[in-house]
Amino acid sequence: MVYHLPQFTYRWKIILLGFSFWLSVSLAGCVTLKEAAKGVLGVSTKALEDNRKDAIKKTFNYDYNTCYSRAKEILKENKAYIYCEDPRRNLLAIYVSEKDTTAVGLFFKAIDQAHTQIEVSSGSTYAKELISDKLFKALGPE
């Protein structure tokens, strides 16, 4: 018995080559392509991570899960728009409001069982101070 391989036209070869390239890039997890796409869509968190060195930090007497959920509730009450929740990176990324799309990042760090640190990061000093003031006052004293 003889098997015949199908003969692909030039067009199908190009399509298969393009699909193969797309598949290999997708499976490789190319972060730069993903980040570029997020940047084009306006939902990138890279700038927030880059500005962490200048973040406003405060530690609270809450365990990690309580602090994260309380912060989320407070942000919603203050009409902030949460556009990215990334538990793997301990991040909540928000816009100041639905109309003010200045990005602000909240990074959570469990200090111990009963204490969690929040870092508020943004390229805008005004937005960073506005959100940290509202959030930190609502969460209470250290």
C-alpha atoms as a PDB file:
ATOM      1  CA  MET A   1       0.000   0.000   0.000  1.00  0.00           C
ATOM      2  CA  VAL A   2       1.366   3.412  -0.969  1.00  0.00           C
ATOM      3  CA  TYR A   3       0.508   6.550   0.926  1.00  0.00           C
ATOM      4  CA  HIS A   4       0.346   9.838  -0.882  1.00  0.00           C
ATOM      5  CA  LEU A   5       0.963  13.043   0.972  1.00  0.00           C
ATOM      6  CA  PRO A   6      -1.373  15.835  -0.005  1.00  0.00           C
ATOM      7  CA  GLN A   7       0.083  18.452  -2.285  1.00  0.00           C
ATOM      8  CA  PHE A   8      -0.345  21.900  -0.815  1.00  0.00           C
ATOM      9  CA  THR A   9      -0.584  24.950  -2.975  1.00  0.00           C
ATOM     10  CA  TYR A  10       1.703  27.906  -2.375  1.00  0.00           C
ATOM     11  CA  ARG A  11      -1.139  29.750  -0.627  1.00  0.00           C
ATOM     12  CA  TRP A  12      -1.703  26.914   1.849  1.00  0.00           C
ATOM     13  CA  LYS A  13       2.026  26.687   2.559  1.00  0.00           C
ATOM     14  CA  ILE A  14       2.064  30.379   3.507  1.00  0.00           C
ATOM     15  CA  ILE A  15      -1.006  29.942   5.701  1.00  0.00           C
ATOM     16  CA  LEU A  16       0.528  26.919   7.456  1.00  0.00           C
ATOM     17  CA  LEU A  17       3.820  28.737   7.920  1.00  0.00           C
ATOM     18  CA  GLY A  18       2.010  31.745   9.433  1.00  0.00           C
ATOM     19  CA  PHE A  19      -0.056  29.524  11.711  1.00  0.00           C
ATOM     20  CA  SER A  20       3.068  27.644  12.830  1.00  0.00           C
ATOM     21  CA  PHE A  21       4.823  30.912  13.668  1.00  0.00           C
ATOM     22  CA  TRP A  22       1.786  32.206  15.569  1.00  0.00           C
ATOM     23  CA  LEU A  23       1.473  28.934  17.500  1.00  0.00           C
ATOM     24  CA  SER A  24       5.156  28.845  18.453  1.00  0.00           C
ATOM     25  CA  VAL A  25       5.094  32.457  19.693  1.00  0.00           C
ATOM     26  CA  SER A  26       1.883  31.832  21.650  1.00  0.00           C
ATOM     27  CA  LEU A  27       3.194  28.706  23.319  1.00  0.00           C
ATOM     28  CA  ALA A  28       6.553  30.285  24.091  1.00  0.00           C
ATOM     29  CA  GLY A  29       4.800  32.832  26.300  1.00  0.00           C
ATOM     30  CA  CYS A  30       6.614  35.756  24.776  1.00  0.00           C
ATOM     31  CA  VAL A  31       6.081  38.405  27.432  1.00  0.00           C
ATOM     32  CA  THR A  32       7.223  41.305  25.290  1.00  0.00           C
ATOM     33  CA  LEU A  33       4.577  40.590  22.653  1.00  0.00           C
ATOM     34  CA  LYS A  34       1.893  40.290  25.310  1.00  0.00           C
ATOM     35  CA  GLU A  35       3.013  43.500  26.971  1.00  0.00           C
ATOM     36  CA  ALA A  36       3.106  45.291  23.624  1.00  0.00           C
ATOM     37  CA  ALA A  37      -0.453  44.189  22.903  1.00  0.00           C
ATOM     38  CA  LYS A  38      -1.574  45.358  26.347  1.00  0.00           C
ATOM     39  CA  GLY A  39       0.141  48.692  25.745  1.00  0.00           C
ATOM     40  CA  VAL A  40      -1.728  49.165  22.485  1.00  0.00           C
ATOM     41  CA  LEU A  41      -5.006  48.344  24.239  1.00  0.00           C
ATOM     42  CA  GLY A  42      -4.172  50.697  27.115  1.00  0.00           C
ATOM     43  CA  VAL A  43      -4.198  48.055  29.860  1.00  0.00           C
ATOM     44  CA  SER A  44      -0.476  47.529  30.397  1.00  0.00           C
ATOM     45  CA  THR A  45       0.790  47.231  33.973  1.00  0.00           C
ATOM     46  CA  LYS A  46       4.491  47.502  33.094  1.00  0.00           C
ATOM     47  CA  ALA A  47       4.643  51.239  33.885  1.00  0.00           C
ATOM     48  CA  LEU A  48       3.086  50.555  37.290  1.00  0.00           C
ATOM     49  CA  GLU A  49       5.723  47.931  38.029  1.00  0.00           C
ATOM     50  CA  ASP A  50       8.487  50.248  36.829  1.00  0.00           C
ATOM     51  CA  ASN A  51       7.272  52.993  39.199  1.00  0.00           C
ATOM     52  CA  ARG A  52       7.183  50.728  42.264  1.00  0.00           C
ATOM     53  CA  LYS A  53      10.481  52.149  43.472  1.00  0.00           C
ATOM     54  CA  ASP A  54       8.659  55.450  44.128  1.00  0.00           C
ATOM     55  CA  ALA A  55       5.509  53.850  45.560  1.00  0.00           C
ATOM     56  CA  ILE A  56       3.742  55.069  48.681  1.00  0.00           C
ATOM     57  CA  LYS A  57       3.865  52.196  51.183  1.00  0.00           C
ATOM     58  CA  LYS A  58       1.957  51.403  54.335  1.00  0.00           C
ATOM     59  CA  THR A  59       1.507  48.287  56.461  1.00  0.00           C
ATOM     60  CA  PHE A  60      -1.871  47.320  57.921  1.00  0.00           C
ATOM     61  CA  ASN A  61      -3.028  44.987  60.697  1.00  0.00           C
ATOM     62  CA  TYR A  62      -4.878  42.664  58.334  1.00  0.00           C
ATOM     63  CA  ASP A  63      -4.024  39.287  56.914  1.00  0.00           C
ATOM     64  CA  TYR A  64      -3.376  39.275  53.169  1.00  0.00           C
ATOM     65  CA  ASN A  65      -6.831  38.095  52.025  1.00  0.00           C
ATOM     66  CA  THR A  66      -8.734  40.498  54.273  1.00  0.00           C
ATOM     67  CA  CYS A  67      -6.555  43.423  53.239  1.00  0.00           C
ATOM     68  CA  TYR A  68      -6.932  42.594  49.532  1.00  0.00           C
ATOM     69  CA  SER A  69     -10.731  42.234  49.697  1.00  0.00           C
ATOM     70  CA  ARG A  70     -11.206  45.357  51.880  1.00  0.00           C
ATOM     71  CA  ALA A  71      -9.022  47.414  49.527  1.00  0.00           C
ATOM     72  CA  LYS A  72     -11.058  46.196  46.565  1.00  0.00           C
ATOM     73  CA  GLU A  73     -14.329  47.173  48.278  1.00  0.00           C
ATOM     74  CA  ILE A  74     -12.975  50.628  49.201  1.00  0.00           C
ATOM     75  CA  LEU A  75     -11.804  51.253  45.641  1.00  0.00           C
ATOM     76  CA  LYS A  76     -15.230  50.335  44.261  1.00  0.00           C
ATOM     77  CA  GLU A  77     -16.938  52.601  46.811  1.00  0.00           C
ATOM     78  CA  ASN A  78     -14.681  55.447  45.628  1.00  0.00           C
ATOM     79  CA  LYS A  79     -15.687  54.807  41.995  1.00  0.00           C
ATOM     80  CA  ALA A  80     -12.246  53.580  40.927  1.00  0.00           C
ATOM     81  CA  TYR A  81     -12.317  51.304  37.872  1.00  0.00           C
ATOM     82  CA  ILE A  82     -10.430  48.030  38.388  1.00  0.00           C
ATOM     83  CA  TYR A  83      -9.013  46.971  35.031  1.00  0.00           C
ATOM     84  CA  CYS A  84      -6.599  44.242  36.105  1.00  0.00           C
ATOM     85  CA  GLU A  85      -6.534  41.773  38.981  1.00  0.00           C
ATOM     86  CA  ASP A  86      -3.424  39.631  38.991  1.00  0.00           C
ATOM     87  CA  PRO A  87      -3.219  37.497  42.139  1.00  0.00           C
ATOM     88  CA  ARG A  88      -0.004  35.880  40.886  1.00  0.00           C
ATOM     89  CA  ARG A  89       1.752  39.262  40.996  1.00  0.00           C
ATOM     90  CA  ASN A  90      -0.268  40.460  44.034  1.00  0.00           C
ATOM     91  CA  LEU A  91      -1.583  43.345  41.941  1.00  0.00           C
ATOM     92  CA  LEU A  92      -4.737  45.388  41.567  1.00  0.00           C
ATOM     93  CA  ALA A  93      -4.473  47.858  38.690  1.00  0.00           C
ATOM     94  CA  ILE A  94      -7.056  50.615  38.579  1.00  0.00           C
ATOM     95  CA  TYR A  95      -8.014  53.800  36.819  1.00  0.00           C
ATOM     96  CA  VAL A  96      -8.745  56.701  39.170  1.00  0.00           C
ATOM     97  CA  SER A  97     -12.314  56.671  37.823  1.00  0.00           C
ATOM     98  CA  GLU A  98     -14.173  55.597  34.701  1.00  0.00           C
ATOM     99  CA  LYS A  99     -13.581  59.069  33.252  1.00  0.00           C
ATOM    100  CA  ASP A 100     -10.034  59.624  34.563  1.00  0.00           C
ATOM    101  CA  THR A 101      -7.991  56.792  33.110  1.00  0.00           C
ATOM    102  CA  THR A 102      -4.803  57.579  34.992  1.00  0.00           C
ATOM    103  CA  ALA A 103      -3.392  54.175  35.939  1.00  0.00           C
ATOM    104  CA  VAL A 104      -2.595  53.340  39.556  1.00  0.00           C
ATOM    105  CA  GLY A 105      -1.229  50.025  40.787  1.00  0.00           C
ATOM    106  CA  LEU A 106      -1.707  48.494  44.217  1.00  0.00           C
ATOM    107  CA  PHE A 107       0.800  45.812  45.128  1.00  0.00           C
ATOM    108  CA  PHE A 108       0.105  43.656  48.186  1.00  0.00           C
ATOM    109  CA  LYS A 109       2.778  41.932  50.255  1.00  0.00           C
ATOM    110  CA  ALA A 110       2.091  39.657  53.218  1.00  0.00           C
ATOM    111  CA  ILE A 111       4.532  40.670  55.955  1.00  0.00           C
ATOM    112  CA  ASP A 112       3.359  37.917  58.321  1.00  0.00           C
ATOM    113  CA  GLN A 113       0.081  36.177  59.225  1.00  0.00           C
ATOM    114  CA  ALA A 114      -1.504  39.372  60.578  1.00  0.00           C
ATOM    115  CA  HIS A 115       0.145  42.197  58.592  1.00  0.00           C
ATOM    116  CA  THR A 116       0.034  43.200  54.943  1.00  0.00           C
ATOM    117  CA  GLN A 117       1.892  45.979  53.164  1.00  0.00           C
ATOM    118  CA  ILE A 118       0.287  47.913  50.309  1.00  0.00           C
ATOM    119  CA  GLU A 119       2.388  49.777  47.760  1.00  0.00           C
ATOM    120  CA  VAL A 120       0.563  52.384  45.655  1.00  0.00           C
ATOM    121  CA  SER A 121       2.368  53.050  42.391  1.00  0.00           C
ATOM    122  CA  SER A 122       1.677  55.376  39.462  1.00  0.00           C
ATOM    123  CA  GLY A 123       3.417  57.570  36.952  1.00  0.00           C
ATOM    124  CA  SER A 124       1.205  60.397  38.244  1.00  0.00           C
ATOM    125  CA  THR A 125       2.110  61.756  41.681  1.00  0.00           C
ATOM    126  CA  TYR A 126      -1.370  63.284  42.003  1.00  0.00           C
ATOM    127  CA  ALA A 127      -3.157  59.982  41.263  1.00  0.00           C
ATOM    128  CA  LYS A 128      -0.843  57.995  43.528  1.00  0.00           C
ATOM    129  CA  GLU A 129      -1.397  60.396  46.450  1.00  0.00           C
ATOM    130  CA  LEU A 130      -5.153  60.643  45.841  1.00  0.00           C
ATOM    131  CA  ILE A 131      -5.714  56.888  45.852  1.00  0.00           C
ATOM    132  CA  SER A 132      -3.313  56.176  48.731  1.00  0.00           C
ATOM    133  CA  ASP A 133      -4.930  58.882  50.903  1.00  0.00           C
ATOM    134  CA  LYS A 134      -8.447  57.544  50.336  1.00  0.00           C
ATOM    135  CA  LEU A 135      -7.444  53.893  50.690  1.00  0.00           C
ATOM    136  CA  PHE A 136      -5.152  54.266  53.692  1.00  0.00           C
ATOM    137  CA  LYS A 137      -7.683  56.390  55.641  1.00  0.00           C
ATOM    138  CA  ALA A 138     -10.454  53.865  54.997  1.00  0.00           C
ATOM    139  CA  LEU A 139      -8.289  50.908  56.003  1.00  0.00           C
ATOM    140  CA  GLY A 140      -7.418  52.565  59.303  1.00  0.00           C
ATOM    141  CA  PRO A 141      -4.258  53.146  61.317  1.00  0.00           C
ATOM    142  CA  GLU A 142      -1.126  51.044  61.082  1.00  0.00           C
END
